Structure formats: C-alpha cells, structure tokens
Amino acid sequence: MPLTGKQRRQLRALGHHLSPVVQVGQGGITPGVISAAEQALEDHELIKVRVGDGPVDRHEAAEALATATHSDVAQVLGHTLLLFRKRAKDSKIDLV
C-alpha cells in the first residue's frame, strides 16, 4: 500500500537523524546491495541509502531497491534515499 503524505512526513522526521547504512556504488543495484538493504530493513524498518555517482539515476535506484526489497520510498533527497518496510512482528514504527 503506498504511503500517504502524512505518513511520508512522519517517516522523514524519524529518519532525519539516521546515517546511511547501505551504499550504492559504481556497480549499481547489485544482489549484494539488495541483500544488505533487506537485512537493514529487517533490523531497522527505516533506513537511509546513499547513492554514489554511478550508472544508475537516484530515482531509478530508489524504485529498483524498493521493488526488490518490497519496501516504500519515503524520500529521495540529494543522493540519499529513505526506505521503509514495516515488520510483520514487533514493529517499532506506527504510522498514522
């Protein structure tokens, strides 16, 4: 289910202080990047991803990672993406 504007705003506020935990480099969206993002989403629910200068556009990278990890893009700002995937059990983030 896509995020509403209010939910995106809430996630941006929660993610403001976070540091990027996954980085997309020259190789683009590789299976390693996808598995790292999967693990980080499982651990944290809300993650920042840094997209370096490479063959993939930042908006394309956001959509590709969101699709591959079954998550939602909360924000694309500069070279940083904010991804969210609610845990099925023991979720810490309640969206309004």
Protein backbone atom coordinates (compact mmCIF):
# COMPACT_ATOMS: atom_id res chain seq x y z
CA MET A 1 0.00 0.00 0.00
CA PRO A 2 1.51 3.36 -0.96
CA LEU A 3 2.37 5.84 1.77
CA THR A 4 0.23 8.91 2.29
CA GLY A 5 1.74 12.40 2.52
CA LYS A 6 1.23 12.44 6.27
CA GLN A 7 2.99 9.08 6.65
CA ARG A 8 5.90 10.23 4.48
CA ARG A 9 6.26 13.35 6.62
CA GLN A 10 6.30 11.21 9.78
CA LEU A 11 8.96 8.90 8.30
CA ARG A 12 11.10 11.84 7.15
CA ALA A 13 11.04 13.22 10.70
CA LEU A 14 12.04 9.83 12.13
CA GLY A 15 14.77 9.34 9.53
CA HIS A 16 16.32 12.80 9.78
CA HIS A 17 18.96 11.79 12.32
CA LEU A 18 19.82 8.43 10.70
CA SER A 19 23.09 7.76 8.91
CA PRO A 20 23.19 5.80 5.63
CA VAL A 21 23.59 2.08 6.29
CA VAL A 22 23.71 0.91 2.65
CA GLN A 23 25.67 2.44 -0.21
CA VAL A 24 25.09 2.03 -3.96
CA GLY A 25 28.38 2.39 -5.80
CA GLN A 26 29.71 2.10 -9.34
CA GLY A 27 28.21 -1.38 -9.75
CA GLY A 28 24.68 -0.04 -9.37
CA ILE A 29 21.95 -2.16 -7.80
CA THR A 30 23.70 -5.50 -7.32
CA PRO A 31 22.46 -8.59 -5.47
CA GLY A 32 24.83 -7.64 -2.64
CA VAL A 33 23.27 -4.19 -2.29
CA ILE A 34 19.78 -5.73 -2.32
CA SER A 35 20.67 -8.28 0.37
CA ALA A 36 22.30 -5.58 2.52
CA ALA A 37 19.18 -3.42 2.19
CA GLU A 38 16.95 -6.44 3.01
CA GLN A 39 18.91 -7.14 6.18
CA ALA A 40 18.98 -3.48 7.23
CA LEU A 41 15.21 -3.16 6.68
CA GLU A 42 14.62 -6.29 8.75
CA ASP A 43 16.78 -4.89 11.54
CA HIS A 44 15.66 -1.24 11.49
CA GLU A 45 12.45 -0.86 9.39
CA LEU A 46 13.57 2.62 8.27
CA ILE A 47 16.94 3.03 6.54
CA LYS A 48 18.93 5.59 4.61
CA VAL A 49 20.70 4.53 1.43
CA ARG A 50 23.48 6.57 -0.16
CA VAL A 51 23.59 6.55 -3.98
CA GLY A 52 27.01 7.45 -5.36
CA ASP A 53 27.82 8.72 -8.82
CA GLY A 54 27.34 5.69 -10.99
CA PRO A 55 25.44 4.24 -13.89
CA VAL A 56 22.03 4.46 -12.20
CA ASP A 57 19.92 7.57 -11.56
CA ARG A 58 18.97 8.16 -7.91
CA HIS A 59 15.22 8.00 -8.62
CA GLU A 60 15.66 4.80 -10.64
CA ALA A 61 17.79 3.36 -7.83
CA ALA A 62 15.08 4.22 -5.29
CA GLU A 63 12.38 2.46 -7.31
CA ALA A 64 14.58 -0.53 -8.08
CA LEU A 65 15.57 -1.00 -4.42
CA ALA A 66 12.00 -0.50 -3.20
CA THR A 67 10.71 -3.07 -5.66
CA ALA A 68 13.46 -5.59 -4.90
CA THR A 69 13.05 -5.28 -1.12
CA HIS A 70 9.24 -4.85 -1.07
CA SER A 71 9.59 -1.53 0.72
CA ASP A 72 8.30 2.02 0.21
CA VAL A 73 10.33 5.08 -0.76
CA ALA A 74 9.70 7.73 1.89
CA GLN A 75 12.10 10.32 0.45
CA VAL A 76 14.71 10.99 -2.23
CA LEU A 77 16.83 13.94 -1.22
CA GLY A 78 20.10 14.61 -2.99
CA HIS A 79 21.98 11.33 -3.18
CA THR A 80 20.18 9.87 -0.17
CA LEU A 81 17.12 7.62 -0.16
CA LEU A 82 14.87 6.84 2.77
CA LEU A 83 13.26 3.39 2.60
CA PHE A 84 10.61 1.94 4.92
CA ARG A 85 9.28 -1.58 5.37
CA LYS A 86 7.08 -2.38 8.35
CA ARG A 87 7.98 -5.57 10.19
CA ALA A 88 5.27 -8.20 10.35
CA LYS A 89 6.06 -8.78 14.03
CA ASP A 90 7.40 -6.42 16.73
CA SER A 91 7.17 -3.25 14.66
CA LYS A 92 8.53 -0.16 16.39
CA ILE A 93 7.06 2.40 13.95
CA ASP A 94 3.31 3.08 13.95
CA LEU A 95 2.18 5.20 11.05
CA VAL A 96 -0.83 7.49 11.37
